[in-house]
């Protein structure tokens, strides 16, 4: 069974930075795309960023482009989301997910992911 565990969330002031990690169990990470999504209070879960299985393709939501950086270390079975210049509107629970399809180039659609972490809270104060 594949398990994803996020870490690195917390409380930060506007303009600050956080680095989220997503540790994936087993040897089932390197051949799959990874995505980051977030759910703000009272809102739908939104796409944040995705990276292809080999890191060759990366896509960001317009709202985080230029501030967030997605990356992965296949040797460590871990994905990352570096978040800089954080804004209060970035406050949400952040989830990482593994793609349903092997050798995926990544997707903005949550339906393309079938394994999810439990989420980590990010709170940005003004």
N, C-alpha and C. Protein backbone atom coordinates (compact mmCIF):
# COMPACT_ATOMS: atom_id res chain seq x y z
N UNK A 1 0.84 -1.19 0.00
CA UNK A 1 0.00 0.00 0.00
C UNK A 1 0.88 1.25 0.00
N UNK A 2 0.54 2.20 -0.83
CA UNK A 2 1.29 3.44 -0.91
C UNK A 2 0.78 4.41 0.15
N UNK A 3 1.70 5.01 0.86
CA UNK A 3 1.32 6.01 1.85
C UNK A 3 2.11 7.28 1.62
N UNK A 4 1.43 8.42 1.75
CA UNK A 4 2.07 9.71 1.60
C UNK A 4 1.90 10.48 2.91
N UNK A 5 2.97 11.08 3.37
CA UNK A 5 2.94 11.83 4.62
C UNK A 5 3.55 13.20 4.39
N UNK A 6 2.71 14.24 4.57
CA UNK A 6 3.21 15.61 4.42
C UNK A 6 3.76 16.12 5.75
N UNK A 7 4.69 17.03 5.65
CA UNK A 7 5.22 17.70 6.83
C UNK A 7 5.73 19.07 6.42
N UNK A 8 5.98 19.92 7.42
CA UNK A 8 6.57 21.22 7.15
C UNK A 8 5.60 22.39 7.23
N UNK A 9 4.32 22.10 7.47
CA UNK A 9 3.37 23.18 7.60
C UNK A 9 3.56 23.93 8.92
N UNK A 10 2.83 25.03 9.05
CA UNK A 10 2.93 25.80 10.27
C UNK A 10 2.36 27.19 10.10
N UNK A 11 2.67 28.03 11.08
CA UNK A 11 2.23 29.42 11.09
C UNK A 11 3.39 30.31 10.69
N UNK A 12 3.15 31.20 9.74
CA UNK A 12 4.19 32.10 9.26
C UNK A 12 3.57 33.45 8.96
N UNK A 13 4.36 34.49 9.08
CA UNK A 13 3.88 35.82 8.73
C UNK A 13 3.89 36.03 7.23
N UNK A 14 3.06 36.92 6.78
CA UNK A 14 3.04 37.26 5.36
C UNK A 14 4.43 37.67 4.90
N UNK A 15 4.81 37.18 3.73
CA UNK A 15 6.15 37.44 3.22
C UNK A 15 7.16 36.38 3.57
N UNK A 16 6.78 35.50 4.48
CA UNK A 16 7.68 34.45 4.93
C UNK A 16 7.69 33.25 3.99
N UNK A 17 8.42 32.23 4.41
CA UNK A 17 8.59 31.02 3.59
C UNK A 17 8.37 29.77 4.42
N UNK A 18 7.94 28.74 3.74
CA UNK A 18 7.84 27.40 4.31
C UNK A 18 8.23 26.40 3.24
N UNK A 19 8.72 25.25 3.68
CA UNK A 19 9.03 24.16 2.74
C UNK A 19 8.26 22.94 3.18
N UNK A 20 7.35 22.49 2.35
CA UNK A 20 6.59 21.28 2.63
C UNK A 20 7.31 20.07 2.03
N UNK A 21 7.23 18.97 2.74
CA UNK A 21 7.78 17.71 2.25
C UNK A 21 6.67 16.69 2.16
N UNK A 22 6.84 15.75 1.24
CA UNK A 22 5.89 14.66 1.06
C UNK A 22 6.68 13.37 0.94
N UNK A 23 6.68 12.60 2.00
CA UNK A 23 7.41 11.33 2.01
C UNK A 23 6.49 10.21 1.55
N UNK A 24 6.95 9.45 0.57
CA UNK A 24 6.14 8.38 -0.02
C UNK A 24 6.76 7.04 0.35
N UNK A 25 5.95 6.14 0.87
CA UNK A 25 6.44 4.83 1.28
C UNK A 25 6.57 3.91 0.09
N UNK A 26 7.44 2.94 0.21
CA UNK A 26 7.59 1.94 -0.84
C UNK A 26 8.39 2.44 -2.02
N UNK A 27 8.56 1.58 -2.99
CA UNK A 27 9.34 1.92 -4.19
C UNK A 27 8.40 2.27 -5.32
N UNK A 28 7.41 3.09 -5.01
CA UNK A 28 6.37 3.41 -5.99
C UNK A 28 6.24 4.91 -6.16
N UNK A 29 7.34 5.60 -6.09
CA UNK A 29 7.30 7.05 -6.23
C UNK A 29 7.97 7.51 -7.52
N UNK A 30 9.10 6.94 -7.83
CA UNK A 30 9.92 7.48 -8.92
C UNK A 30 9.24 7.41 -10.28
N UNK A 31 8.34 6.47 -10.50
CA UNK A 31 7.72 6.32 -11.81
C UNK A 31 6.40 7.05 -11.96
N UNK A 32 6.06 7.91 -11.00
CA UNK A 32 4.76 8.56 -10.99
C UNK A 32 4.89 10.06 -10.79
N UNK A 33 3.96 10.80 -11.37
CA UNK A 33 3.91 12.24 -11.14
C UNK A 33 3.42 12.52 -9.72
N UNK A 34 3.73 13.71 -9.28
CA UNK A 34 3.29 14.15 -7.96
C UNK A 34 2.60 15.50 -8.08
N UNK A 35 1.59 15.67 -7.29
CA UNK A 35 0.88 16.95 -7.29
C UNK A 35 0.71 17.49 -5.89
N UNK A 36 0.58 18.79 -5.80
CA UNK A 36 0.23 19.47 -4.56
C UNK A 36 -1.11 20.20 -4.78
N UNK A 37 -1.99 20.04 -3.83
CA UNK A 37 -3.29 20.70 -3.86
C UNK A 37 -3.50 21.36 -2.50
N UNK A 38 -4.48 22.25 -2.43
CA UNK A 38 -4.78 22.87 -1.14
C UNK A 38 -6.27 23.13 -1.04
N UNK A 39 -6.72 23.14 0.22
CA UNK A 39 -8.13 23.43 0.50
C UNK A 39 -8.18 24.50 1.58
N UNK A 40 -8.67 25.67 1.17
CA UNK A 40 -8.85 26.77 2.12
C UNK A 40 -10.19 26.59 2.83
N UNK A 41 -10.35 27.18 4.00
CA UNK A 41 -11.61 27.04 4.74
C UNK A 41 -12.82 27.44 3.90
N UNK A 42 -13.78 26.55 3.80
CA UNK A 42 -15.01 26.85 3.09
C UNK A 42 -14.91 26.82 1.58
N UNK A 43 -13.78 26.33 1.06
CA UNK A 43 -13.58 26.33 -0.39
C UNK A 43 -13.29 24.93 -0.89
N UNK A 44 -13.35 24.80 -2.21
CA UNK A 44 -13.02 23.54 -2.86
C UNK A 44 -11.51 23.31 -2.80
N UNK A 45 -11.13 22.05 -3.00
CA UNK A 45 -9.71 21.73 -3.10
C UNK A 45 -9.19 22.23 -4.45
N UNK A 46 -8.09 22.95 -4.42
CA UNK A 46 -7.55 23.58 -5.63
C UNK A 46 -6.17 23.02 -5.96
N UNK A 47 -5.88 22.99 -7.23
CA UNK A 47 -4.57 22.60 -7.71
C UNK A 47 -3.54 23.67 -7.36
N UNK A 48 -2.34 23.24 -6.98
CA UNK A 48 -1.25 24.17 -6.69
C UNK A 48 -0.09 23.97 -7.67
N UNK A 49 0.40 22.73 -7.75
CA UNK A 49 1.56 22.46 -8.61
C UNK A 49 1.65 20.97 -8.88
N UNK A 50 2.30 20.64 -9.99
CA UNK A 50 2.54 19.24 -10.31
C UNK A 50 3.88 19.09 -10.99
N UNK A 51 4.48 17.92 -10.79
CA UNK A 51 5.77 17.62 -11.40
C UNK A 51 5.70 16.22 -11.99
N UNK A 52 6.22 16.04 -13.18
CA UNK A 52 6.16 14.75 -13.85
C UNK A 52 7.06 13.73 -13.15
N UNK A 53 6.94 12.49 -13.58
CA UNK A 53 7.64 11.39 -12.91
C UNK A 53 9.15 11.59 -12.93
N UNK A 54 9.66 12.24 -13.98
CA UNK A 54 11.11 12.44 -14.08
C UNK A 54 11.53 13.88 -13.83
N UNK A 55 10.58 14.71 -13.41
CA UNK A 55 10.90 16.11 -13.13
C UNK A 55 11.00 16.99 -14.35
N UNK A 56 10.73 16.43 -15.53
CA UNK A 56 10.90 17.18 -16.76
C UNK A 56 9.78 18.16 -17.06
N UNK A 57 8.61 17.93 -16.51
CA UNK A 57 7.47 18.81 -16.73
C UNK A 57 6.95 19.31 -15.39
N UNK A 58 6.77 20.60 -15.29
CA UNK A 58 6.28 21.24 -14.07
C UNK A 58 5.22 22.27 -14.45
N UNK A 59 4.13 22.28 -13.69
CA UNK A 59 3.05 23.24 -13.92
C UNK A 59 2.64 23.83 -12.57
N UNK A 60 2.27 25.10 -12.61
CA UNK A 60 1.82 25.79 -11.40
C UNK A 60 0.48 26.47 -11.65
N UNK A 61 -0.28 26.59 -10.58
CA UNK A 61 -1.45 27.46 -10.62
C UNK A 61 -0.97 28.89 -10.78
N UNK A 62 -1.75 29.69 -11.46
CA UNK A 62 -1.37 31.09 -11.67
C UNK A 62 -1.16 31.83 -10.35
N UNK A 63 -1.93 31.43 -9.35
CA UNK A 63 -1.89 32.14 -8.07
C UNK A 63 -0.58 31.93 -7.32
N UNK A 64 0.19 30.91 -7.67
CA UNK A 64 1.44 30.65 -6.95
C UNK A 64 2.66 30.75 -7.84
N UNK A 65 2.45 30.95 -9.12
CA UNK A 65 3.56 31.00 -10.07
C UNK A 65 4.53 32.12 -9.69
N UNK A 66 5.82 31.78 -9.67
CA UNK A 66 6.83 32.75 -9.30
C UNK A 66 7.12 32.81 -7.82
N UNK A 67 6.27 32.19 -7.01
CA UNK A 67 6.46 32.18 -5.55
C UNK A 67 6.73 30.78 -5.02
N UNK A 68 6.11 29.78 -5.62
CA UNK A 68 6.25 28.39 -5.17
C UNK A 68 7.12 27.62 -6.15
N UNK A 69 7.86 26.64 -5.61
CA UNK A 69 8.68 25.76 -6.44
C UNK A 69 8.46 24.32 -6.03
N UNK A 70 8.06 23.50 -6.98
CA UNK A 70 7.88 22.08 -6.72
C UNK A 70 9.13 21.34 -7.18
N UNK A 71 9.49 20.31 -6.42
CA UNK A 71 10.66 19.51 -6.78
C UNK A 71 10.48 18.10 -6.23
N UNK A 72 11.39 17.22 -6.60
CA UNK A 72 11.32 15.86 -6.10
C UNK A 72 12.71 15.27 -6.05
N UNK A 73 12.88 14.34 -5.14
CA UNK A 73 14.12 13.58 -5.00
C UNK A 73 13.72 12.10 -5.03
N UNK A 74 13.82 11.50 -6.19
CA UNK A 74 13.37 10.11 -6.33
C UNK A 74 14.20 9.15 -5.49
N UNK A 75 15.45 9.48 -5.26
CA UNK A 75 16.29 8.61 -4.44
C UNK A 75 15.80 8.58 -2.99
N UNK A 76 15.16 9.64 -2.57
CA UNK A 76 14.66 9.72 -1.20
C UNK A 76 13.15 9.47 -1.12
N UNK A 77 12.52 9.18 -2.26
CA UNK A 77 11.07 8.99 -2.29
C UNK A 77 10.33 10.17 -1.65
N UNK A 78 10.79 11.35 -1.96
CA UNK A 78 10.23 12.54 -1.32
C UNK A 78 10.01 13.65 -2.34
N UNK A 79 8.89 14.32 -2.19
CA UNK A 79 8.60 15.51 -2.98
C UNK A 79 8.59 16.74 -2.08
N UNK A 80 8.74 17.90 -2.71
CA UNK A 80 8.83 19.13 -1.94
C UNK A 80 8.01 20.24 -2.58
N UNK A 81 7.60 21.18 -1.75
CA UNK A 81 6.98 22.40 -2.23
C UNK A 81 7.58 23.54 -1.43
N UNK A 82 8.45 24.31 -2.07
CA UNK A 82 9.04 25.49 -1.46
C UNK A 82 8.11 26.66 -1.69
N UNK A 83 7.69 27.28 -0.61
CA UNK A 83 6.72 28.37 -0.71
C UNK A 83 7.36 29.65 -0.17
N UNK A 84 7.52 30.63 -1.04
CA UNK A 84 8.11 31.91 -0.67
C UNK A 84 7.08 33.03 -0.83
N UNK A 85 7.37 34.16 -0.25
CA UNK A 85 6.49 35.33 -0.35
C UNK A 85 5.05 34.96 -0.05
N UNK A 86 4.87 34.24 1.03
CA UNK A 86 3.53 33.75 1.37
C UNK A 86 2.58 34.89 1.68
N UNK A 87 1.32 34.66 1.32
CA UNK A 87 0.25 35.63 1.51
C UNK A 87 -0.83 35.02 2.39
N UNK A 88 -1.62 35.85 3.05
CA UNK A 88 -2.72 35.29 3.86
C UNK A 88 -3.65 34.40 3.05
N UNK A 89 -3.83 34.69 1.78
CA UNK A 89 -4.71 33.86 0.95
C UNK A 89 -4.11 32.50 0.62
N UNK A 90 -2.87 32.26 1.00
CA UNK A 90 -2.27 30.93 0.85
C UNK A 90 -2.65 30.01 2.02
N UNK A 91 -3.31 30.56 3.02
CA UNK A 91 -3.72 29.75 4.16
C UNK A 91 -4.66 28.64 3.71
N UNK A 92 -4.29 27.40 4.05
CA UNK A 92 -5.05 26.23 3.60
C UNK A 92 -4.41 24.98 4.19
N UNK A 93 -5.12 23.88 4.03
CA UNK A 93 -4.51 22.57 4.25
C UNK A 93 -3.93 22.12 2.92
N UNK A 94 -2.66 21.76 2.94
CA UNK A 94 -1.96 21.37 1.72
C UNK A 94 -1.83 19.85 1.67
N UNK A 95 -2.14 19.30 0.51
CA UNK A 95 -2.10 17.85 0.29
C UNK A 95 -1.15 17.51 -0.84
N UNK A 96 -0.39 16.45 -0.67
CA UNK A 96 0.36 15.92 -1.81
C UNK A 96 -0.35 14.67 -2.30
N UNK A 97 -0.12 14.34 -3.55
CA UNK A 97 -0.79 13.21 -4.16
C UNK A 97 0.10 12.57 -5.21
N UNK A 98 -0.10 11.26 -5.42
CA UNK A 98 0.65 10.53 -6.43
C UNK A 98 -0.27 10.20 -7.59
N UNK A 99 0.25 10.31 -8.79
CA UNK A 99 -0.58 10.11 -9.97
C UNK A 99 -1.09 8.68 -10.08
N UNK A 100 -2.22 8.55 -10.71
CA UNK A 100 -2.83 7.25 -10.95
C UNK A 100 -2.06 6.46 -11.98
N UNK A 101 -1.50 7.18 -12.97
CA UNK A 101 -0.85 6.54 -14.11
C UNK A 101 0.67 6.64 -13.99
N UNK A 102 1.33 5.54 -14.30
CA UNK A 102 2.78 5.54 -14.30
C UNK A 102 3.31 6.39 -15.46
N UNK A 103 4.46 6.98 -15.25
CA UNK A 103 5.14 7.81 -16.25
C UNK A 103 4.27 8.98 -16.70
N UNK A 104 3.49 9.47 -15.76
CA UNK A 104 2.62 10.61 -16.04
C UNK A 104 3.44 11.90 -16.14
N UNK A 105 2.96 12.80 -17.00
CA UNK A 105 3.63 14.10 -17.13
C UNK A 105 3.10 15.09 -16.11
N UNK A 106 2.15 14.64 -15.28
CA UNK A 106 1.56 15.52 -14.28
C UNK A 106 0.22 16.04 -14.73
N UNK A 107 -0.61 16.45 -13.77
CA UNK A 107 -1.95 16.91 -14.10
C UNK A 107 -2.45 17.91 -13.08
N UNK A 108 -3.32 18.80 -13.53
CA UNK A 108 -3.98 19.76 -12.64
C UNK A 108 -5.28 19.19 -12.08
N UNK A 109 -5.66 18.02 -12.54
CA UNK A 109 -6.94 17.43 -12.16
C UNK A 109 -6.75 16.46 -10.99
N UNK A 110 -7.50 16.65 -9.92
CA UNK A 110 -7.36 15.79 -8.76
C UNK A 110 -7.76 14.35 -9.07
N UNK A 111 -8.63 14.16 -10.05
CA UNK A 111 -9.06 12.80 -10.42
C UNK A 111 -7.93 11.97 -11.00
N UNK A 112 -6.86 12.63 -11.42
CA UNK A 112 -5.71 11.92 -11.99
C UNK A 112 -4.78 11.37 -10.91
N UNK A 113 -5.13 11.57 -9.66
CA UNK A 113 -4.31 11.09 -8.54
C UNK A 113 -5.13 10.12 -7.70
N UNK A 114 -4.52 9.04 -7.28
CA UNK A 114 -5.28 8.06 -6.52
C UNK A 114 -4.70 7.77 -5.13
N UNK A 115 -3.59 8.41 -4.80
CA UNK A 115 -3.06 8.30 -3.44
C UNK A 115 -2.83 9.71 -2.92
N UNK A 116 -3.29 9.93 -1.68
CA UNK A 116 -3.24 11.26 -1.09
C UNK A 116 -2.68 11.19 0.32
N UNK A 117 -2.01 12.26 0.71
CA UNK A 117 -1.59 12.37 2.09
C UNK A 117 -2.72 12.91 2.95
N UNK A 118 -2.44 13.02 4.24
CA UNK A 118 -3.46 13.45 5.19
C UNK A 118 -3.57 14.97 5.26
N UNK A 119 -2.59 15.66 4.71
CA UNK A 119 -2.62 17.12 4.68
C UNK A 119 -1.81 17.74 5.79
N UNK A 120 -1.32 18.94 5.54
CA UNK A 120 -0.60 19.71 6.54
C UNK A 120 -1.10 21.16 6.48
N UNK A 121 -1.34 21.71 7.65
CA UNK A 121 -1.93 23.05 7.73
C UNK A 121 -0.85 24.12 7.52
N UNK A 122 -1.17 25.07 6.66
CA UNK A 122 -0.33 26.25 6.47
C UNK A 122 -1.19 27.46 6.79
N UNK A 123 -0.74 28.26 7.73
CA UNK A 123 -1.46 29.46 8.12
C UNK A 123 -0.54 30.67 7.96
N UNK A 124 -0.99 31.64 7.18
CA UNK A 124 -0.20 32.84 6.93
C UNK A 124 -0.92 34.03 7.56
N UNK A 125 -0.27 34.66 8.52
CA UNK A 125 -0.87 35.79 9.21
C UNK A 125 -0.49 37.09 8.51
N UNK A 126 -1.39 38.05 8.59
CA UNK A 126 -1.13 39.35 7.93
C UNK A 126 -0.42 40.32 8.85
